[in-house]
């Protein structure tokens, strides 16, 4: 079993590389658009999970 810390550290290590890649491809608009879409996706998934837990 791979420990949680491995995935946590890999995420922290890959963030700057992905940010630099996205910035190189489209600048700030692309970088912030993808960040906003990911934030919206996480918020929608959390809302869906909370609503299903509230009904149970």
C-alpha atoms as a PDB file:
ATOM      1  CA  UNK A   1       0.000   0.000   0.000  1.00  0.00           C
ATOM      2  CA  UNK A   2       1.348   3.386  -0.981  1.00  0.00           C
ATOM      3  CA  UNK A   3       1.108   5.840   1.924  1.00  0.00           C
ATOM      4  CA  UNK A   4      -0.951   8.992   1.793  1.00  0.00           C
ATOM      5  CA  UNK A   5       2.138  11.173   2.105  1.00  0.00           C
ATOM      6  CA  UNK A   6       3.437   9.919  -1.235  1.00  0.00           C
ATOM      7  CA  UNK A   7       0.404  11.254  -3.092  1.00  0.00           C
ATOM      8  CA  UNK A   8       0.439  14.460  -1.065  1.00  0.00           C
ATOM      9  CA  UNK A   9       4.084  15.159  -1.863  1.00  0.00           C
ATOM     10  CA  UNK A  10       3.651  14.224  -5.525  1.00  0.00           C
ATOM     11  CA  UNK A  11       0.783  16.702  -5.779  1.00  0.00           C
ATOM     12  CA  UNK A  12       2.868  19.451  -4.207  1.00  0.00           C
ATOM     13  CA  UNK A  13       5.787  18.628  -6.500  1.00  0.00           C
ATOM     14  CA  UNK A  14       3.739  18.516  -9.695  1.00  0.00           C
ATOM     15  CA  UNK A  15       1.801  21.744  -9.029  1.00  0.00           C
ATOM     16  CA  UNK A  16       4.543  24.172 -10.066  1.00  0.00           C
ATOM     17  CA  UNK A  17       5.330  22.135 -13.182  1.00  0.00           C
ATOM     18  CA  UNK A  18       1.690  22.046 -14.293  1.00  0.00           C
ATOM     19  CA  UNK A  19       1.299  25.737 -13.500  1.00  0.00           C
ATOM     20  CA  UNK A  20       4.347  26.623 -15.565  1.00  0.00           C
ATOM     21  CA  UNK A  21       3.112  24.465 -18.439  1.00  0.00           C
ATOM     22  CA  UNK A  22      -0.351  26.034 -18.430  1.00  0.00           C
ATOM     23  CA  UNK A  23       1.100  29.522 -18.119  1.00  0.00           C
ATOM     24  CA  UNK A  24       3.381  28.849 -21.070  1.00  0.00           C
ATOM     25  CA  UNK A  25       0.485  27.595 -23.179  1.00  0.00           C
ATOM     26  CA  UNK A  26      -2.005  30.365 -22.514  1.00  0.00           C
ATOM     27  CA  UNK A  27      -0.876  32.774 -19.828  1.00  0.00           C
ATOM     28  CA  UNK A  28      -2.978  33.849 -16.880  1.00  0.00           C
ATOM     29  CA  UNK A  29      -6.399  33.402 -18.534  1.00  0.00           C
ATOM     30  CA  UNK A  30      -5.817  29.688 -19.168  1.00  0.00           C
ATOM     31  CA  UNK A  31      -4.223  29.138 -15.769  1.00  0.00           C
ATOM     32  CA  UNK A  32      -7.014  30.795 -13.796  1.00  0.00           C
ATOM     33  CA  UNK A  33      -9.771  29.328 -15.990  1.00  0.00           C
ATOM     34  CA  UNK A  34      -8.611  25.797 -15.295  1.00  0.00           C
ATOM     35  CA  UNK A  35      -8.242  26.577 -11.583  1.00  0.00           C
ATOM     36  CA  UNK A  36     -11.784  27.998 -11.506  1.00  0.00           C
ATOM     37  CA  UNK A  37     -13.205  24.963 -13.321  1.00  0.00           C
ATOM     38  CA  UNK A  38     -11.482  22.578 -10.902  1.00  0.00           C
ATOM     39  CA  UNK A  39     -12.777  24.569  -7.938  1.00  0.00           C
ATOM     40  CA  UNK A  40     -16.301  24.492  -9.370  1.00  0.00           C
ATOM     41  CA  UNK A  41     -16.072  20.742  -9.973  1.00  0.00           C
ATOM     42  CA  UNK A  42     -14.931  20.094  -6.395  1.00  0.00           C
ATOM     43  CA  UNK A  43     -17.692  22.325  -5.003  1.00  0.00           C
ATOM     44  CA  UNK A  44     -20.354  20.526  -7.070  1.00  0.00           C
ATOM     45  CA  UNK A  45     -19.103  17.096  -6.023  1.00  0.00           C
ATOM     46  CA  UNK A  46     -19.037  18.127  -2.365  1.00  0.00           C
ATOM     47  CA  UNK A  47     -22.555  19.573  -2.638  1.00  0.00           C
ATOM     48  CA  UNK A  48     -23.841  16.384  -4.251  1.00  0.00           C
ATOM     49  CA  UNK A  49     -22.272  14.221  -1.550  1.00  0.00           C
ATOM     50  CA  UNK A  50     -23.643  16.415   1.229  1.00  0.00           C
ATOM     51  CA  UNK A  51     -27.143  16.381  -0.252  1.00  0.00           C
ATOM     52  CA  UNK A  52     -27.156  12.592  -0.564  1.00  0.00           C
ATOM     53  CA  UNK A  53     -25.883  12.238   3.018  1.00  0.00           C
ATOM     54  CA  UNK A  54     -28.579  14.623   4.257  1.00  0.00           C
ATOM     55  CA  UNK A  55     -31.370  12.513   2.681  1.00  0.00           C
ATOM     56  CA  UNK A  56     -30.120   9.288   4.280  1.00  0.00           C
END
